[in-house]
């Protein structure tokens, strides 16, 4: 690149020099003043112009070729898999903007690669336990250690179901995050969603000694949503609330008007709460509390389903316990 710029500077300078000499020669040939002694001064002027042009171009080359070369070298390193590569932001404004864009791209690639590796490690970890149970039980039956009866086959079937649920959750999560989740939108009343969620868990709440209540504000607008998917979100939130609320506690499912004209659904419990250091990560994949079951994908899926509807979801927990899970859906998609 340096050579190309220098060749261009040399070419332009020679053009100026040749033009000056040609003017001087034409002046002498046509007898303009019959002063041939002007040829040398004009030629000298051409040489000065040549040196000035070369100096200017060299300076421009030094200011631009260096940063551009650094970006090109950085691109080569990123192409080779080194996503930690960053380039200094220097030079003219356009080149600084190019460097910033390159660094932002490399940062996103590095984050995506880290997420990919973490996801692969997490999936491998989650699948290892059920696979070990299935392999151990089947090998035991094949070796005659114990008979292939119902007692020994039921754990195999249960672990197979665990794997199936995990794969289904991963497929739902990846499809939703890719924006390819198909939603069967229907005009739905918020009260119906809250009532269905409470009805589905009323028996479990009564068994655990937890009071499960429903509070829906009147006059809420109908929502154009997929009721099955949003029902899954509410079911997941209520299930988590009941799991972490001891006997004598309360879980409230409510729906109220949102400030943007939509509807805010809230599941609030009086349970153990979420630690402050874990609160920012509750919607991440494979994040589980010490007493949580499952693979840690429920809240990640809930967030993806809410965002697929154009909504938002958040979590809050106080220092004295209790958790508030809130998601807002727009009245129009």
Protein backbone atom coordinates (compact mmCIF):
# COMPACT_ATOMS: atom_id res chain seq x y z
CA UNK A 1 0.00 0.00 0.00
CA UNK A 2 2.86 2.40 0.78
CA UNK A 3 4.39 1.66 -2.61
CA UNK A 4 1.11 2.39 -4.39
CA UNK A 5 0.79 5.78 -2.73
CA UNK A 6 4.40 6.68 -3.48
CA UNK A 7 4.02 5.67 -7.11
CA UNK A 8 0.94 7.87 -7.36
CA UNK A 9 2.82 10.81 -5.84
CA UNK A 10 5.73 10.32 -8.20
CA UNK A 11 3.39 10.13 -11.17
CA UNK A 12 1.59 13.34 -10.22
CA UNK A 13 4.88 15.13 -9.65
CA UNK A 14 6.22 14.04 -13.02
CA UNK A 15 3.02 15.24 -14.63
CA UNK A 16 3.50 18.66 -13.06
CA UNK A 17 7.18 18.71 -14.13
CA UNK A 18 6.40 17.64 -17.68
CA UNK A 19 3.64 20.23 -17.89
CA UNK A 20 5.99 22.98 -16.74
CA UNK A 21 8.69 21.99 -19.22
CA UNK A 22 6.14 21.72 -22.01
CA UNK A 23 4.84 25.21 -21.26
CA UNK A 24 8.34 26.58 -21.25
CA UNK A 25 9.24 24.87 -24.52
CA UNK A 26 6.05 26.03 -26.18
CA UNK A 27 6.75 29.53 -25.01
CA UNK A 28 10.19 29.37 -26.57
CA UNK A 29 8.99 27.66 -29.73
CA UNK A 30 6.37 30.30 -30.36
CA UNK A 31 8.81 33.03 -29.54
CA UNK A 32 6.90 34.36 -26.60
CA UNK A 33 9.34 37.04 -25.70
CA UNK A 34 12.09 34.91 -27.27
CA UNK A 35 13.36 34.28 -23.76
CA UNK A 36 14.68 30.69 -23.71
CA UNK A 37 16.29 31.39 -20.38
CA UNK A 38 12.79 30.93 -18.88
CA UNK A 39 12.95 27.19 -19.54
CA UNK A 40 15.29 26.45 -16.65
CA UNK A 41 13.37 28.50 -14.04
CA UNK A 42 10.10 26.95 -15.13
CA UNK A 43 11.67 23.51 -14.94
CA UNK A 44 12.92 24.32 -11.44
CA UNK A 45 9.42 25.35 -10.46
CA UNK A 46 8.21 21.99 -11.74
CA UNK A 47 10.81 20.21 -9.62
CA UNK A 48 9.74 22.19 -6.56
CA UNK A 49 6.13 21.25 -7.25
CA UNK A 50 7.24 17.63 -7.61
CA UNK A 51 8.96 17.63 -4.24
CA UNK A 52 6.01 19.39 -2.56
CA UNK A 53 3.54 16.88 -3.97
CA UNK A 54 5.72 13.95 -2.93
CA UNK A 55 6.11 15.38 0.59
CA UNK A 56 2.37 15.95 0.95
CA UNK A 57 1.52 12.47 -0.32
CA UNK A 58 4.13 10.85 1.94
CA UNK A 59 2.63 12.65 4.92
CA UNK A 60 -0.87 11.52 3.94
CA UNK A 61 0.44 7.98 3.49
CA UNK A 62 1.97 7.98 6.95
CA UNK A 63 -1.29 9.20 8.50
CA UNK A 64 -3.57 6.79 6.66
CA UNK A 65 -1.59 3.75 5.60
CA UNK A 66 -0.52 2.95 9.16
CA UNK A 67 -4.04 2.77 10.66
CA UNK A 68 -5.42 1.02 7.58
CA UNK A 69 -2.61 -1.53 7.77
CA UNK A 70 -3.37 -2.15 11.44
CA UNK A 71 -7.03 -2.78 10.65
CA UNK A 72 -6.05 -5.17 7.84
CA UNK A 73 -3.67 -7.05 10.14
CA UNK A 74 -6.39 -7.19 12.79
CA UNK A 75 -8.86 -8.56 10.27
CA UNK A 76 -6.37 -11.30 9.39
CA UNK A 77 -6.04 -12.25 13.07
CA UNK A 78 -9.82 -12.31 13.55
CA UNK A 79 -10.19 -14.44 10.41
CA UNK A 80 -7.68 -16.85 11.98
CA UNK A 81 -9.87 -17.14 15.10
CA UNK A 82 -8.28 -14.59 17.45
CA UNK A 83 -11.41 -12.69 18.50
CA UNK A 84 -9.55 -10.83 21.26
CA UNK A 85 -7.85 -8.68 18.62
CA UNK A 86 -8.29 -4.92 18.98
CA UNK A 87 -6.74 -2.10 16.93
CA UNK A 88 -5.77 1.40 18.15
CA UNK A 89 -8.06 4.25 17.20
CA UNK A 90 -5.82 6.82 15.51
CA UNK A 91 -5.50 8.82 12.34
CA UNK A 92 -8.17 10.88 10.59
CA UNK A 93 -11.76 10.83 11.79
CA UNK A 94 -12.90 8.27 9.21
CA UNK A 95 -10.10 5.89 10.13
CA UNK A 96 -10.85 6.28 13.84
CA UNK A 97 -14.47 5.43 13.13
CA UNK A 98 -13.33 2.39 11.10
CA UNK A 99 -11.18 1.24 14.02
CA UNK A 100 -14.09 1.67 16.46
CA UNK A 101 -16.39 -0.33 14.22
CA UNK A 102 -13.76 -3.05 13.87
CA UNK A 103 -13.25 -3.26 17.63
CA UNK A 104 -17.01 -3.41 18.23
CA UNK A 105 -17.31 -6.22 15.67
CA UNK A 106 -14.44 -8.14 17.26
CA UNK A 107 -15.99 -7.67 20.71
CA UNK A 108 -19.33 -9.07 19.54
CA UNK A 109 -17.61 -12.01 17.87
CA UNK A 110 -15.65 -12.71 21.05
CA UNK A 111 -18.83 -12.59 23.15
CA UNK A 112 -20.68 -14.85 20.71
CA UNK A 113 -17.82 -17.34 20.74
CA UNK A 114 -17.81 -17.34 24.53
CA UNK A 115 -21.56 -17.93 24.61
CA UNK A 116 -21.22 -20.77 22.12
CA UNK A 117 -18.55 -22.48 24.19
CA UNK A 118 -20.47 -21.99 27.43
CA UNK A 119 -23.66 -23.31 25.85
CA UNK A 120 -21.85 -26.38 24.54
CA UNK A 121 -20.32 -27.01 27.95
CA UNK A 122 -23.65 -26.54 29.72
CA UNK A 123 -25.54 -28.83 27.34
CA UNK A 124 -22.83 -31.46 27.69
CA UNK A 125 -23.07 -31.24 31.47
CA UNK A 126 -26.87 -31.47 31.49
CA UNK A 127 -26.92 -34.48 29.17
CA UNK A 128 -24.18 -36.36 30.99
CA UNK A 129 -26.30 -37.29 34.04
CA UNK A 130 -29.33 -38.80 32.25
CA UNK A 131 -27.07 -40.56 29.76
CA UNK A 132 -25.06 -42.07 32.61
CA UNK A 133 -28.24 -43.33 34.31
CA UNK A 134 -29.59 -44.81 31.09
CA UNK A 135 -26.29 -46.43 30.20
CA UNK A 136 -25.76 -47.86 33.68
CA UNK A 137 -29.26 -49.31 34.00
CA UNK A 138 -29.32 -50.80 30.51
CA UNK A 139 -25.86 -52.34 30.91
CA UNK A 140 -26.93 -53.77 34.26
CA UNK A 141 -29.94 -55.42 32.68
CA UNK A 142 -27.91 -56.74 29.76
CA UNK A 143 -25.31 -58.19 32.13
CA UNK A 144 -28.01 -59.81 34.25
CA UNK A 145 -27.20 -57.78 37.34
CA UNK A 146 -30.92 -57.04 37.75
CA UNK A 147 -33.98 -58.03 35.73
CA UNK A 148 -35.55 -55.79 33.04
CA UNK A 149 -38.66 -55.21 35.11
CA UNK A 150 -40.74 -52.11 35.72
CA UNK A 151 -38.69 -51.03 38.71
CA UNK A 152 -35.49 -50.83 36.67
CA UNK A 153 -37.01 -49.63 33.39
CA UNK A 154 -38.89 -46.66 34.85
CA UNK A 155 -35.69 -44.69 35.69
CA UNK A 156 -34.50 -45.21 32.10
CA UNK A 157 -37.75 -43.86 30.71
CA UNK A 158 -37.72 -40.92 33.13
CA UNK A 159 -34.17 -39.92 32.20
CA UNK A 160 -35.10 -40.19 28.53
CA UNK A 161 -37.96 -37.76 29.22
CA UNK A 162 -35.50 -35.39 30.93
CA UNK A 163 -33.33 -35.42 27.82
CA UNK A 164 -36.33 -34.88 25.60
CA UNK A 165 -37.49 -31.88 27.65
CA UNK A 166 -34.00 -30.40 27.58
CA UNK A 167 -33.77 -30.72 23.80
CA UNK A 168 -37.26 -29.25 23.36
CA UNK A 169 -36.34 -26.32 25.59
CA UNK A 170 -33.13 -25.70 23.68
CA UNK A 171 -34.98 -25.79 20.38
CA UNK A 172 -37.61 -23.33 21.63
CA UNK A 173 -34.94 -21.04 23.04
CA UNK A 174 -32.76 -21.03 19.93
CA UNK A 175 -35.76 -20.54 17.63
CA UNK A 176 -37.08 -17.63 19.69
CA UNK A 177 -33.68 -15.95 19.97
CA UNK A 178 -33.23 -16.26 16.20
CA UNK A 179 -36.56 -14.52 15.64
CA UNK A 180 -37.94 -17.55 13.82
CA UNK A 181 -40.50 -18.65 16.41
CA UNK A 182 -43.93 -19.03 14.84
CA UNK A 183 -46.62 -17.37 16.95
CA UNK A 184 -50.27 -18.34 16.63
CA UNK A 185 -51.63 -14.93 17.57
CA UNK A 186 -55.18 -14.66 18.84
CA UNK A 187 -57.21 -11.91 20.46
CA UNK A 188 -56.91 -12.83 24.13
CA UNK A 189 -58.24 -11.31 27.35
CA UNK A 190 -55.56 -10.87 30.06
CA UNK A 191 -58.03 -12.12 32.68
CA UNK A 192 -58.24 -15.48 30.91
CA UNK A 193 -54.47 -15.91 31.05
CA UNK A 194 -54.30 -15.12 34.77
CA UNK A 195 -57.27 -17.37 35.57
CA UNK A 196 -55.81 -20.30 33.63
CA UNK A 197 -52.43 -19.96 35.37
CA UNK A 198 -54.02 -19.89 38.82
CA UNK A 199 -56.37 -22.78 38.05
CA UNK A 200 -53.50 -24.96 36.81
CA UNK A 201 -51.59 -24.63 40.10
CA UNK A 202 -54.38 -24.31 42.63
CA UNK A 203 -54.16 -27.93 43.77
CA UNK A 204 -50.38 -27.81 44.12
CA UNK A 205 -50.58 -24.57 46.09
CA UNK A 206 -53.17 -26.03 48.45
CA UNK A 207 -51.04 -29.15 48.95
CA UNK A 208 -48.04 -27.01 49.87
CA UNK A 209 -50.03 -24.76 52.19
CA UNK A 210 -49.51 -21.68 49.98
CA UNK A 211 -52.30 -19.20 49.28
CA UNK A 212 -52.57 -18.58 45.51
CA UNK A 213 -54.49 -15.46 44.51
CA UNK A 214 -55.50 -13.73 41.29
CA UNK A 215 -55.92 -9.97 40.92
CA UNK A 216 -56.86 -8.52 37.55
CA UNK A 217 -57.74 -4.88 36.99
CA UNK A 218 -61.03 -4.29 35.13
CA UNK A 219 -61.12 -2.82 31.64
CA UNK A 220 -57.81 -4.21 30.40
CA UNK A 221 -57.39 -4.22 26.62
CA UNK A 222 -57.35 -7.48 24.71
CA UNK A 223 -53.94 -8.63 23.52
CA UNK A 224 -52.97 -9.95 20.11
CA UNK A 225 -50.71 -12.77 21.35
CA UNK A 226 -50.08 -16.47 21.22
CA UNK A 227 -52.02 -17.55 24.35
CA UNK A 228 -50.23 -20.90 24.52
CA UNK A 229 -46.77 -19.30 24.62
CA UNK A 230 -47.72 -16.60 27.11
CA UNK A 231 -49.48 -19.28 29.15
CA UNK A 232 -46.13 -21.10 29.27
CA UNK A 233 -44.47 -17.95 30.58
CA UNK A 234 -47.03 -17.49 33.36
CA UNK A 235 -46.94 -21.17 34.23
CA UNK A 236 -43.16 -21.06 34.57
CA UNK A 237 -43.27 -18.00 36.81
CA UNK A 238 -46.03 -19.41 39.03
CA UNK A 239 -44.24 -22.77 39.24
CA UNK A 240 -41.02 -21.08 40.38
CA UNK A 241 -42.90 -18.92 42.88
CA UNK A 242 -44.62 -21.91 44.48
CA UNK A 243 -41.38 -23.86 44.63
CA UNK A 244 -39.62 -21.13 46.61
CA UNK A 245 -42.53 -20.13 48.86
CA UNK A 246 -42.84 -22.06 52.14
CA UNK A 247 -46.12 -23.11 53.74
CA UNK A 248 -48.11 -20.17 54.99
CA UNK A 249 -46.83 -17.90 52.24
CA UNK A 250 -48.67 -16.22 49.38
CA UNK A 251 -48.32 -16.11 45.62
CA UNK A 252 -50.26 -13.43 43.73
CA UNK A 253 -50.84 -13.39 39.97
CA UNK A 254 -51.95 -9.95 38.80
CA UNK A 255 -52.58 -8.04 35.59
CA UNK A 256 -52.68 -4.26 35.44
CA UNK A 257 -52.51 -1.50 32.83
CA UNK A 258 -49.00 -0.60 31.72
CA UNK A 259 -47.80 2.94 31.16
CA UNK A 260 -47.45 2.39 27.40
CA UNK A 261 -51.03 1.20 26.99
CA UNK A 262 -50.20 -2.49 27.22
CA UNK A 263 -50.72 -4.95 30.05
CA UNK A 264 -48.31 -5.75 32.88
CA UNK A 265 -48.44 -9.27 34.33
CA UNK A 266 -46.89 -9.74 37.76
CA UNK A 267 -46.20 -12.89 39.77
CA UNK A 268 -45.26 -11.95 43.32
CA UNK A 269 -44.39 -14.32 46.14
CA UNK A 270 -43.35 -14.16 49.77
CA UNK A 271 -40.67 -16.79 49.36
CA UNK A 272 -36.95 -16.90 50.01
CA UNK A 273 -36.09 -14.36 47.32
CA UNK A 274 -33.15 -14.16 44.94
CA UNK A 275 -29.61 -13.25 46.10
CA UNK A 276 -28.50 -9.81 44.95
CA UNK A 277 -25.49 -11.17 43.05
CA UNK A 278 -27.68 -13.66 41.14
CA UNK A 279 -30.51 -11.25 40.31
CA UNK A 280 -28.90 -9.78 37.13
CA UNK A 281 -28.40 -13.29 35.72
CA UNK A 282 -31.74 -14.99 36.41
CA UNK A 283 -32.72 -14.84 32.73
CA UNK A 284 -29.45 -16.32 31.47
CA UNK A 285 -29.22 -19.87 30.19
CA UNK A 286 -28.49 -22.67 32.67
CA UNK A 287 -28.59 -20.35 35.68
CA UNK A 288 -30.07 -22.12 38.69
CA UNK A 289 -30.36 -21.46 42.37
CA UNK A 290 -29.01 -23.95 44.90
CA UNK A 291 -32.48 -25.44 45.48
CA UNK A 292 -33.79 -25.15 41.92
CA UNK A 293 -34.62 -28.09 39.73
CA UNK A 294 -34.58 -28.44 35.99
CA UNK A 295 -31.87 -27.38 33.58
CA UNK A 296 -32.04 -23.65 34.27
CA UNK A 297 -33.67 -22.77 30.95
CA UNK A 298 -37.16 -21.80 32.13
CA UNK A 299 -36.58 -18.09 32.68
CA UNK A 300 -34.37 -17.80 29.60
CA UNK A 301 -37.22 -19.26 27.54
CA UNK A 302 -39.73 -16.96 29.28
CA UNK A 303 -37.67 -13.91 28.33
CA UNK A 304 -37.36 -15.07 24.71
CA UNK A 305 -41.11 -15.70 24.43
CA UNK A 306 -41.99 -12.31 25.93
CA UNK A 307 -39.51 -10.52 23.66
CA UNK A 308 -40.89 -12.43 20.65
CA UNK A 309 -44.20 -10.68 21.41
CA UNK A 310 -42.48 -7.29 21.60
CA UNK A 311 -42.59 -7.19 25.39
CA UNK A 312 -40.13 -6.89 28.26
CA UNK A 313 -39.56 -8.93 31.41
CA UNK A 314 -37.78 -8.13 34.67
CA UNK A 315 -37.14 -9.55 38.12
CA UNK A 316 -36.86 -7.90 41.52
CA UNK A 317 -36.21 -9.24 44.99
CA UNK A 318 -35.84 -7.49 48.30
CA UNK A 319 -33.24 -8.14 51.02
CA UNK A 320 -35.93 -9.57 53.30
CA UNK A 321 -37.12 -12.12 50.75
CA UNK A 322 -39.92 -12.27 48.26
CA UNK A 323 -39.65 -12.06 44.49
CA UNK A 324 -41.51 -10.02 41.90
CA UNK A 325 -41.46 -11.24 38.30
CA UNK A 326 -43.02 -8.75 35.89
CA UNK A 327 -43.49 -8.78 32.13
CA UNK A 328 -45.26 -6.25 29.94
CA UNK A 329 -46.97 -7.03 26.64
CA UNK A 330 -47.99 -4.32 24.17
CA UNK A 331 -51.67 -3.99 23.31
CA UNK A 332 -50.73 -4.18 19.63
CA UNK A 333 -47.98 -6.41 18.19
